[in-house]
PDB file of all heavy atoms in Angstrom:
ATOM      1  N   SER A   1      31.311  -3.758 -19.115  1.00  0.00           N
ATOM      2  CA  SER A   1      31.718  -3.146 -17.840  1.00  0.00           C
ATOM      3  C   SER A   1      31.042  -1.805 -17.631  1.00  0.00           C
ATOM      4  O   SER A   1      30.483  -1.528 -16.546  1.00  0.00           O
ATOM      5  CB  SER A   1      33.220  -2.939 -17.789  1.00  0.00           C
ATOM      6  OG  SER A   1      33.911  -4.116 -17.872  1.00  0.00           O
ATOM      7  N   LEU A   2      31.016  -0.969 -18.660  1.00  0.00           N
ATOM      8  CA  LEU A   2      30.337   0.315 -18.547  1.00  0.00           C
ATOM      9  C   LEU A   2      28.802   0.121 -18.367  1.00  0.00           C
ATOM     10  O   LEU A   2      28.195   0.848 -17.602  1.00  0.00           O
ATOM     11  CB  LEU A   2      30.630   1.153 -19.809  1.00  0.00           C
ATOM     12  CG  LEU A   2      32.078   1.577 -19.991  1.00  0.00           C
ATOM     13  CD1 LEU A   2      32.216   2.349 -21.300  1.00  0.00           C
ATOM     14  CD2 LEU A   2      32.540   2.420 -18.831  1.00  0.00           C
ATOM     15  N   PHE A   3      28.271  -0.843 -19.052  1.00  0.00           N
ATOM     16  CA  PHE A   3      26.827  -1.098 -18.949  1.00  0.00           C
ATOM     17  C   PHE A   3      26.457  -1.548 -17.516  1.00  0.00           C
ATOM     18  O   PHE A   3      25.460  -1.104 -16.961  1.00  0.00           O
ATOM     19  CB  PHE A   3      26.444  -2.176 -19.966  1.00  0.00           C
ATOM     20  CG  PHE A   3      24.988  -2.500 -19.926  1.00  0.00           C
ATOM     21  CD1 PHE A   3      24.026  -1.619 -20.356  1.00  0.00           C
ATOM     22  CD2 PHE A   3      24.575  -3.761 -19.436  1.00  0.00           C
ATOM     23  CE1 PHE A   3      22.690  -1.921 -20.341  1.00  0.00           C
ATOM     24  CE2 PHE A   3      23.214  -4.072 -19.409  1.00  0.00           C
ATOM     25  CZ  PHE A   3      22.280  -3.156 -19.849  1.00  0.00           C
ATOM     26  N   LEU A   4      27.290  -2.405 -16.920  1.00  0.00           N
ATOM     27  CA  LEU A   4      27.031  -2.816 -15.560  1.00  0.00           C
ATOM     28  C   LEU A   4      27.115  -1.684 -14.548  1.00  0.00           C
ATOM     29  O   LEU A   4      26.342  -1.600 -13.630  1.00  0.00           O
ATOM     30  CB  LEU A   4      27.994  -3.939 -15.154  1.00  0.00           C
ATOM     31  CG  LEU A   4      27.652  -5.336 -15.719  1.00  0.00           C
ATOM     32  CD1 LEU A   4      28.803  -6.286 -15.488  1.00  0.00           C
ATOM     33  CD2 LEU A   4      26.366  -5.841 -15.110  1.00  0.00           C
ATOM     34  N   ILE A   5      28.071  -0.763 -14.759  1.00  0.00           N
ATOM     35  CA  ILE A   5      28.171   0.392 -13.900  1.00  0.00           C
ATOM     36  C   ILE A   5      26.900   1.247 -14.028  1.00  0.00           C
ATOM     37  O   ILE A   5      26.335   1.711 -13.001  1.00  0.00           O
ATOM     38  CB  ILE A   5      29.430   1.201 -14.253  1.00  0.00           C
ATOM     39  CG1 ILE A   5      30.661   0.399 -13.855  1.00  0.00           C
ATOM     40  CG2 ILE A   5      29.416   2.559 -13.576  1.00  0.00           C
ATOM     41  CD1 ILE A   5      31.956   1.002 -14.352  1.00  0.00           C
ATOM     42  N   LEU A   6      26.409   1.458 -15.224  1.00  0.00           N
ATOM     43  CA  LEU A   6      25.182   2.195 -15.424  1.00  0.00           C
ATOM     44  C   LEU A   6      23.996   1.543 -14.733  1.00  0.00           C
ATOM     45  O   LEU A   6      23.211   2.186 -14.090  1.00  0.00           O
ATOM     46  CB  LEU A   6      24.893   2.352 -16.941  1.00  0.00           C
ATOM     47  CG  LEU A   6      23.601   3.059 -17.312  1.00  0.00           C
ATOM     48  CD1 LEU A   6      23.646   4.522 -16.910  1.00  0.00           C
ATOM     49  CD2 LEU A   6      23.302   2.863 -18.779  1.00  0.00           C
ATOM     50  N   ILE A   7      23.877   0.219 -14.888  1.00  0.00           N
ATOM     51  CA  ILE A   7      22.755  -0.494 -14.272  1.00  0.00           C
ATOM     52  C   ILE A   7      22.818  -0.372 -12.758  1.00  0.00           C
ATOM     53  O   ILE A   7      21.795  -0.228 -12.104  1.00  0.00           O
ATOM     54  CB  ILE A   7      22.798  -1.962 -14.691  1.00  0.00           C
ATOM     55  CG1 ILE A   7      22.451  -2.055 -16.163  1.00  0.00           C
ATOM     56  CG2 ILE A   7      21.877  -2.839 -13.880  1.00  0.00           C
ATOM     57  CD1 ILE A   7      21.236  -2.804 -16.522  1.00  0.00           C
ATOM     58  N   ILE A   8      24.013  -0.457 -12.194  1.00  0.00           N
ATOM     59  CA  ILE A   8      24.140  -0.334 -10.741  1.00  0.00           C
ATOM     60  C   ILE A   8      23.712   1.049 -10.287  1.00  0.00           C
ATOM     61  O   ILE A   8      23.012   1.188  -9.277  1.00  0.00           O
ATOM     62  CB  ILE A   8      25.583  -0.676 -10.328  1.00  0.00           C
ATOM     63  CG1 ILE A   8      25.833  -2.155 -10.518  1.00  0.00           C
ATOM     64  CG2 ILE A   8      25.843  -0.222  -8.881  1.00  0.00           C
ATOM     65  CD1 ILE A   8      27.278  -2.557 -10.359  1.00  0.00           C
ATOM     66  N   PHE A   9      24.017   2.075 -11.033  1.00  0.00           N
ATOM     67  CA  PHE A   9      23.567   3.411 -10.655  1.00  0.00           C
ATOM     68  C   PHE A   9      22.048   3.541 -10.798  1.00  0.00           C
ATOM     69  O   PHE A   9      21.415   4.264 -10.037  1.00  0.00           O
ATOM     70  CB  PHE A   9      24.252   4.478 -11.501  1.00  0.00           C
ATOM     71  CG  PHE A   9      25.589   4.869 -11.000  1.00  0.00           C
ATOM     72  CD1 PHE A   9      26.704   4.821 -11.822  1.00  0.00           C
ATOM     73  CD2 PHE A   9      25.771   5.256  -9.668  1.00  0.00           C
ATOM     74  CE1 PHE A   9      27.971   5.159 -11.369  1.00  0.00           C
ATOM     75  CE2 PHE A   9      27.062   5.610  -9.214  1.00  0.00           C
ATOM     76  CZ  PHE A   9      28.134   5.554 -10.047  1.00  0.00           C
ATOM     77  N   LEU A  10      21.466   2.891 -11.747  1.00  0.00           N
ATOM     78  CA  LEU A  10      20.000   2.911 -11.879  1.00  0.00           C
ATOM     79  C   LEU A  10      19.298   2.234 -10.726  1.00  0.00           C
ATOM     80  O   LEU A  10      18.170   2.527 -10.398  1.00  0.00           O
ATOM     81  CB  LEU A  10      19.559   2.304 -13.218  1.00  0.00           C
ATOM     82  CG  LEU A  10      19.763   3.145 -14.465  1.00  0.00           C
ATOM     83  CD1 LEU A  10      19.390   2.330 -15.655  1.00  0.00           C
ATOM     84  CD2 LEU A  10      18.945   4.403 -14.366  1.00  0.00           C
ATOM     85  N   ARG A  11      19.986   1.288 -10.106  1.00  0.00           N
ATOM     86  CA  ARG A  11      19.373   0.509  -9.022  1.00  0.00           C
ATOM     87  C   ARG A  11      19.642   1.123  -7.664  1.00  0.00           C
ATOM     88  O   ARG A  11      19.314   0.515  -6.658  1.00  0.00           O
ATOM     89  CB  ARG A  11      19.925  -0.928  -9.034  1.00  0.00           C
ATOM     90  CG  ARG A  11      19.508  -1.669 -10.263  1.00  0.00           C
ATOM     91  CD  ARG A  11      19.993  -3.049 -10.174  1.00  0.00           C
ATOM     92  NE  ARG A  11      19.585  -3.603  -8.909  1.00  0.00           N
ATOM     93  CZ  ARG A  11      19.611  -4.866  -8.589  1.00  0.00           C
ATOM     94  NH1 ARG A  11      20.065  -5.709  -9.473  1.00  0.00           N
ATOM     95  NH2 ARG A  11      19.231  -5.277  -7.452  1.00  0.00           N
ATOM     96  N   MET A  12      20.205   2.319  -7.600  1.00  0.00           N
ATOM     97  CA  MET A  12      20.483   2.952  -6.307  1.00  0.00           C
ATOM     98  C   MET A  12      19.182   3.176  -5.539  1.00  0.00           C
ATOM     99  O   MET A  12      18.153   3.421  -6.141  1.00  0.00           O
ATOM    100  CB  MET A  12      21.166   4.268  -6.529  1.00  0.00           C
ATOM    101  CG  MET A  12      22.473   4.104  -7.259  1.00  0.00           C
ATOM    102  SD  MET A  12      23.954   4.891  -6.685  1.00  0.00           S
ATOM    103  CE  MET A  12      23.775   5.272  -5.049  1.00  0.00           C
ATOM    104  N   PRO A  13      19.227   3.076  -4.236  1.00  0.00           N
ATOM    105  CA  PRO A  13      18.010   3.286  -3.450  1.00  0.00           C
ATOM    106  C   PRO A  13      17.423   4.673  -3.616  1.00  0.00           C
ATOM    107  O   PRO A  13      18.162   5.639  -3.751  1.00  0.00           O
ATOM    108  CB  PRO A  13      18.450   3.065  -2.015  1.00  0.00           C
ATOM    109  CG  PRO A  13      19.895   2.767  -2.017  1.00  0.00           C
ATOM    110  CD  PRO A  13      20.354   2.773  -3.421  1.00  0.00           C
ATOM    111  N   GLN A  14      16.106   4.752  -3.592  1.00  0.00           N
ATOM    112  CA  GLN A  14      15.429   6.039  -3.844  1.00  0.00           C
ATOM    113  C   GLN A  14      15.615   6.989  -2.671  1.00  0.00           C
ATOM    114  O   GLN A  14      15.468   8.187  -2.854  1.00  0.00           O
ATOM    115  CB  GLN A  14      13.963   5.805  -4.054  1.00  0.00           C
ATOM    116  CG  GLN A  14      13.712   4.892  -5.242  1.00  0.00           C
ATOM    117  CD  GLN A  14      12.849   5.561  -6.284  1.00  0.00           C
ATOM    118  OE1 GLN A  14      12.225   6.560  -6.011  1.00  0.00           O
ATOM    119  NE2 GLN A  14      12.834   4.980  -7.468  1.00  0.00           N
ATOM    120  N   GLU A  15      15.880   6.497  -1.462  1.00  0.00           N
ATOM    121  CA  GLU A  15      16.058   7.408  -0.323  1.00  0.00           C
ATOM    122  C   GLU A  15      17.457   7.976  -0.203  1.00  0.00           C
ATOM    123  O   GLU A  15      17.755   8.626   0.765  1.00  0.00           O
ATOM    124  CB  GLU A  15      15.671   6.679   0.978  1.00  0.00           C
ATOM    125  CG  GLU A  15      16.443   5.460   1.284  1.00  0.00           C
ATOM    126  CD  GLU A  15      15.844   4.200   0.673  1.00  0.00           C
ATOM    127  OE1 GLU A  15      14.761   4.248   0.092  1.00  0.00           O
ATOM    128  OE2 GLU A  15      16.465   3.135   0.810  1.00  0.00           O
ATOM    129  N   ASN A  16      18.310   7.735  -1.158  1.00  0.00           N
ATOM    130  CA  ASN A  16      19.657   8.261  -1.135  1.00  0.00           C
ATOM    131  C   ASN A  16      19.573   9.777  -1.375  1.00  0.00           C
ATOM    132  O   ASN A  16      19.158  10.221  -2.419  1.00  0.00           O
ATOM    133  CB  ASN A  16      20.524   7.585  -2.234  1.00  0.00           C
ATOM    134  CG  ASN A  16      21.978   7.895  -2.097  1.00  0.00           C
ATOM    135  OD1 ASN A  16      22.365   8.829  -1.401  1.00  0.00           O
ATOM    136  ND2 ASN A  16      22.793   7.130  -2.759  1.00  0.00           N
ATOM    137  N   ILE A  17      20.049  10.544  -0.400  1.00  0.00           N
ATOM    138  CA  ILE A  17      19.907  11.990  -0.471  1.00  0.00           C
ATOM    139  C   ILE A  17      20.835  12.609  -1.499  1.00  0.00           C
ATOM    140  O   ILE A  17      20.455  13.508  -2.242  1.00  0.00           O
ATOM    141  CB  ILE A  17      20.159  12.607   0.927  1.00  0.00           C
ATOM    142  CG1 ILE A  17      19.092  12.101   1.873  1.00  0.00           C
ATOM    143  CG2 ILE A  17      20.176  14.124   0.853  1.00  0.00           C
ATOM    144  CD1 ILE A  17      19.363  12.450   3.341  1.00  0.00           C
ATOM    145  N   GLY A  18      22.062  12.146  -1.557  1.00  0.00           N
ATOM    146  CA  GLY A  18      23.036  12.748  -2.462  1.00  0.00           C
ATOM    147  C   GLY A  18      22.687  12.619  -3.942  1.00  0.00           C
ATOM    148  O   GLY A  18      23.017  13.466  -4.756  1.00  0.00           O
ATOM    149  N   LEU A  19      22.002  11.533  -4.331  1.00  0.00           N
ATOM    150  CA  LEU A  19      21.650  11.321  -5.715  1.00  0.00           C
ATOM    151  C   LEU A  19      20.167  11.242  -5.918  1.00  0.00           C
ATOM    152  O   LEU A  19      19.669  10.515  -6.774  1.00  0.00           O
ATOM    153  CB  LEU A  19      22.323  10.044  -6.235  1.00  0.00           C
ATOM    154  CG  LEU A  19      23.860  10.002  -6.233  1.00  0.00           C
ATOM    155  CD1 LEU A  19      24.348   8.621  -6.579  1.00  0.00           C
ATOM    156  CD2 LEU A  19      24.384  11.020  -7.243  1.00  0.00           C
ATOM    157  N   SER A  20      19.411  11.996  -5.134  1.00  0.00           N
ATOM    158  CA  SER A  20      17.969  11.839  -5.163  1.00  0.00           C
ATOM    159  C   SER A  20      17.372  12.199  -6.532  1.00  0.00           C
ATOM    160  O   SER A  20      16.441  11.548  -7.005  1.00  0.00           O
ATOM    161  CB  SER A  20      17.334  12.734  -4.094  1.00  0.00           C
ATOM    162  OG  SER A  20      17.640  14.071  -4.315  1.00  0.00           O
ATOM    163  N   SER A  21      17.929  13.180  -7.202  1.00  0.00           N
ATOM    164  CA  SER A  21      17.388  13.505  -8.516  1.00  0.00           C
ATOM    165  C   SER A  21      17.690  12.447  -9.538  1.00  0.00           C
ATOM    166  O   SER A  21      16.936  12.155 -10.428  1.00  0.00           O
ATOM    167  CB  SER A  21      17.906  14.869  -8.998  1.00  0.00           C
ATOM    168  OG  SER A  21      19.283  14.817  -9.159  1.00  0.00           O
ATOM    169  N   PHE A  22      18.893  11.797  -9.389  1.00  0.00           N
ATOM    170  CA  PHE A  22      19.255  10.730 -10.337  1.00  0.00           C
ATOM    171  C   PHE A  22      18.529   9.452 -10.011  1.00  0.00           C
ATOM    172  O   PHE A  22      18.136   8.734 -10.930  1.00  0.00           O
ATOM    173  CB  PHE A  22      20.764  10.492 -10.257  1.00  0.00           C
ATOM    174  CG  PHE A  22      21.264   9.469 -11.231  1.00  0.00           C
ATOM    175  CD1 PHE A  22      21.327   9.730 -12.563  1.00  0.00           C
ATOM    176  CD2 PHE A  22      21.651   8.225 -10.792  1.00  0.00           C
ATOM    177  CE1 PHE A  22      21.751   8.790 -13.472  1.00  0.00           C
ATOM    178  CE2 PHE A  22      22.116   7.268 -11.688  1.00  0.00           C
ATOM    179  CZ  PHE A  22      22.152   7.599 -13.020  1.00  0.00           C
ATOM    180  N   ALA A  23      18.240   9.171  -8.764  1.00  0.00           N
ATOM    181  CA  ALA A  23      17.605   7.932  -8.375  1.00  0.00           C
ATOM    182  C   ALA A  23      16.140   7.897  -8.842  1.00  0.00           C
ATOM    183  O   ALA A  23      15.628   6.847  -9.117  1.00  0.00           O
ATOM    184  CB  ALA A  23      17.652   7.774  -6.832  1.00  0.00           C
ATOM    185  N   ASN A  24      15.530   9.038  -8.966  1.00  0.00           N
ATOM    186  CA  ASN A  24      14.128   9.051  -9.404  1.00  0.00           C
ATOM    187  C   ASN A  24      13.985   8.900 -10.912  1.00  0.00           C
ATOM    188  O   ASN A  24      12.919   8.834 -11.442  1.00  0.00           O
ATOM    189  CB  ASN A  24      13.442  10.368  -8.988  1.00  0.00           C
ATOM    190  CG  ASN A  24      13.250  10.415  -7.475  1.00  0.00           C
ATOM    191  OD1 ASN A  24      13.094   9.373  -6.844  1.00  0.00           O
ATOM    192  ND2 ASN A  24      13.275  11.601  -6.916  1.00  0.00           N
ATOM    193  N   LYS A  25      15.107   8.846 -11.639  1.00  0.00           N
ATOM    194  CA  LYS A  25      15.052   8.691 -13.097  1.00  0.00           C
ATOM    195  C   LYS A  25      14.494   7.300 -13.467  1.00  0.00           C
ATOM    196  O   LYS A  25      14.042   7.163 -14.578  1.00  0.00           O
ATOM    197  CB  LYS A  25      16.441   8.861 -13.688  1.00  0.00           C
ATOM    198  CG  LYS A  25      17.014  10.239 -13.471  1.00  0.00           C
ATOM    199  CD  LYS A  25      16.559  11.170 -14.522  1.00  0.00           C
ATOM    200  CE  LYS A  25      17.302  12.483 -14.301  1.00  0.00           C
ATOM    201  NZ  LYS A  25      16.731  13.602 -14.940  1.00  0.00           N
ATOM    202  N   SER A  26      14.566   6.323 -12.571  1.00  0.00           N
ATOM    203  CA  SER A  26      14.071   4.993 -12.938  1.00  0.00           C
ATOM    204  C   SER A  26      12.561   4.995 -13.091  1.00  0.00           C
ATOM    205  O   SER A  26      12.024   4.027 -13.611  1.00  0.00           O
ATOM    206  CB  SER A  26      14.513   3.970 -11.887  1.00  0.00           C
ATOM    207  OG  SER A  26      13.916   4.270 -10.672  1.00  0.00           O
ATOM    208  N   ASP A  27      11.872   6.030 -12.657  1.00  0.00           N
ATOM    209  CA  ASP A  27      10.422   6.078 -12.806  1.00  0.00           C
ATOM    210  C   ASP A  27       9.997   6.228 -14.254  1.00  0.00           C
ATOM    211  O   ASP A  27       8.857   5.961 -14.607  1.00  0.00           O
ATOM    212  CB  ASP A  27       9.846   7.260 -12.000  1.00  0.00           C
ATOM    213  CG  ASP A  27       9.971   7.012 -10.491  1.00  0.00           C
ATOM    214  OD1 ASP A  27      10.126   5.854 -10.104  1.00  0.00           O
ATOM    215  OD2 ASP A  27       9.894   8.006  -9.747  1.00  0.00           O
ATOM    216  N   ILE A  28      10.938   6.630 -15.124  1.00  0.00           N
ATOM    217  CA  ILE A  28      10.566   6.796 -16.541  1.00  0.00           C
ATOM    218  C   ILE A  28      10.357   5.471 -17.230  1.00  0.00           C
ATOM    219  O   ILE A  28       9.767   5.395 -18.305  1.00  0.00           O
ATOM    220  CB  ILE A  28      11.640   7.606 -17.287  1.00  0.00           C
ATOM    221  CG1 ILE A  28      12.947   6.870 -17.315  1.00  0.00           C
ATOM    222  CG2 ILE A  28      11.796   9.008 -16.725  1.00  0.00           C
ATOM    223  CD1 ILE A  28      14.015   7.498 -18.221  1.00  0.00           C
ATOM    224  N   PHE A  29      10.811   4.350 -16.649  1.00  0.00           N
ATOM    225  CA  PHE A  29      10.672   3.038 -17.230  1.00  0.00           C
ATOM    226  C   PHE A  29       9.310   2.391 -16.987  1.00  0.00           C
ATOM    227  O   PHE A  29       8.990   1.395 -17.526  1.00  0.00           O
ATOM    228  CB  PHE A  29      11.765   2.104 -16.747  1.00  0.00           C
ATOM    229  CG  PHE A  29      13.111   2.534 -17.148  1.00  0.00           C
ATOM    230  CD1 PHE A  29      14.086   2.761 -16.200  1.00  0.00           C
ATOM    231  CD2 PHE A  29      13.448   2.694 -18.479  1.00  0.00           C
ATOM    232  CE1 PHE A  29      15.365   3.173 -16.577  1.00  0.00           C
ATOM    233  CE2 PHE A  29      14.721   3.091 -18.859  1.00  0.00           C
ATOM    234  CZ  PHE A  29      15.655   3.335 -17.894  1.00  0.00           C
ATOM    235  N   GLY A  30       8.503   2.936 -16.088  1.00  0.00           N
ATOM    236  CA  GLY A  30       7.242   2.364 -15.748  1.00  0.00           C
ATOM    237  C   GLY A  30       7.033   2.275 -14.260  1.00  0.00           C
ATOM    238  O   GLY A  30       7.645   3.050 -13.523  1.00  0.00           O
ATOM    239  N   SER A  31       6.251   1.340 -13.810  1.00  0.00           N
ATOM    240  CA  SER A  31       6.028   1.198 -12.375  1.00  0.00           C
ATOM    241  C   SER A  31       7.317   0.700 -11.716  1.00  0.00           C
ATOM    242  O   SER A  31       8.101  -0.002 -12.310  1.00  0.00           O
ATOM    243  CB  SER A  31       4.883   0.218 -12.099  1.00  0.00           C
ATOM    244  OG  SER A  31       5.312  -1.113 -12.476  1.00  0.00           O
ATOM    245  N   PRO A  32       7.505   1.100 -10.471  1.00  0.00           N
ATOM    246  CA  PRO A  32       8.761   0.736  -9.761  1.00  0.00           C
ATOM    247  C   PRO A  32       8.990  -0.768  -9.661  1.00  0.00           C
ATOM    248  O   PRO A  32      10.109  -1.233  -9.782  1.00  0.00           O
ATOM    249  CB  PRO A  32       8.608   1.361  -8.386  1.00  0.00           C
ATOM    250  CG  PRO A  32       7.642   2.459  -8.566  1.00  0.00           C
ATOM    251  CD  PRO A  32       6.716   2.027  -9.655  1.00  0.00           C
ATOM    252  N   SER A  33       7.911  -1.550  -9.463  1.00  0.00           N
ATOM    253  CA  SER A  33       8.125  -2.975  -9.313  1.00  0.00           C
ATOM    254  C   SER A  33       8.548  -3.624 -10.626  1.00  0.00           C
ATOM    255  O   SER A  33       9.405  -4.479 -10.668  1.00  0.00           O
ATOM    256  CB  SER A  33       6.846  -3.647  -8.773  1.00  0.00           C
ATOM    257  OG  SER A  33       5.808  -3.494  -9.679  1.00  0.00           O
ATOM    258  N   SER A  34       7.936  -3.207 -11.747  1.00  0.00           N
ATOM    259  CA  SER A  34       8.325  -3.773 -13.022  1.00  0.00           C
ATOM    260  C   SER A  34       9.707  -3.283 -13.433  1.00  0.00           C
ATOM    261  O   SER A  34      10.478  -4.037 -14.052  1.00  0.00           O
ATOM    262  CB  SER A  34       7.319  -3.439 -14.112  1.00  0.00           C
ATOM    263  OG  SER A  34       7.313  -2.055 -14.381  1.00  0.00           O
ATOM    264  N   THR A  35      10.049  -2.059 -13.046  1.00  0.00           N
ATOM    265  CA  THR A  35      11.391  -1.587 -13.316  1.00  0.00           C
ATOM    266  C   THR A  35      12.415  -2.356 -12.564  1.00  0.00           C
ATOM    267  O   THR A  35      13.455  -2.733 -13.135  1.00  0.00           O
ATOM    268  CB  THR A  35      11.476  -0.076 -12.965  1.00  0.00           C
ATOM    269  OG1 THR A  35      10.509   0.658 -13.693  1.00  0.00           O
ATOM    270  CG2 THR A  35      12.852   0.478 -13.260  1.00  0.00           C
ATOM    271  N   GLN A  36      12.171  -2.614 -11.317  1.00  0.00           N
ATOM    272  CA  GLN A  36      13.106  -3.348 -10.485  1.00  0.00           C
ATOM    273  C   GLN A  36      13.282  -4.785 -10.992  1.00  0.00           C
ATOM    274  O   GLN A  36      14.379  -5.315 -11.046  1.00  0.00           O
ATOM    275  CB  GLN A  36      12.600  -3.373  -9.011  1.00  0.00           C
ATOM    276  CG  GLN A  36      13.621  -3.907  -8.047  1.00  0.00           C
ATOM    277  CD  GLN A  36      14.838  -3.018  -7.933  1.00  0.00           C
ATOM    278  OE1 GLN A  36      14.777  -1.801  -8.144  1.00  0.00           O
ATOM    279  NE2 GLN A  36      15.978  -3.587  -7.610  1.00  0.00           N
ATOM    280  N   ARG A  37      12.185  -5.398 -11.391  1.00  0.00           N
ATOM    281  CA  ARG A  37      12.256  -6.773 -11.905  1.00  0.00           C
ATOM    282  C   ARG A  37      13.048  -6.836 -13.206  1.00  0.00           C
ATOM    283  O   ARG A  37      13.876  -7.705 -13.399  1.00  0.00           O
ATOM    284  CB  ARG A  37      10.839  -7.308 -12.115  1.00  0.00           C
ATOM    285  CG  ARG A  37      10.746  -8.755 -12.431  1.00  0.00           C
ATOM    286  CD  ARG A  37       9.320  -9.298 -12.450  1.00  0.00           C
ATOM    287  NE  ARG A  37       8.358  -8.450 -13.146  1.00  0.00           N
ATOM    288  CZ  ARG A  37       7.361  -7.800 -12.526  1.00  0.00           C
ATOM    289  NH1 ARG A  37       7.173  -7.913 -11.245  1.00  0.00           N
ATOM    290  NH2 ARG A  37       6.529  -7.059 -13.226  1.00  0.00           N
ATOM    291  N   THR A  38      12.824  -5.842 -14.101  1.00  0.00           N
ATOM    292  CA  THR A  38      13.530  -5.814 -15.358  1.00  0.00           C
ATOM    293  C   THR A  38      15.030  -5.553 -15.128  1.00  0.00           C
ATOM    294  O   THR A  38      15.868  -6.210 -15.750  1.00  0.00           O
ATOM    295  CB  THR A  38      12.959  -4.704 -16.255  1.00  0.00           C
ATOM    296  OG1 THR A  38      11.570  -4.930 -16.445  1.00  0.00           O
ATOM    297  CG2 THR A  38      13.660  -4.642 -17.603  1.00  0.00           C
TER     298      THR A  38
END
């Protein structure tokens, strides 16, 4: 359950203003398309 909540937060849209600094954290995994697919 906790893991699914974390994954959902990682998948938040990048244009979200309130969490913009958190949403850009997914760039550390690689290219955005491979990150999204993974």
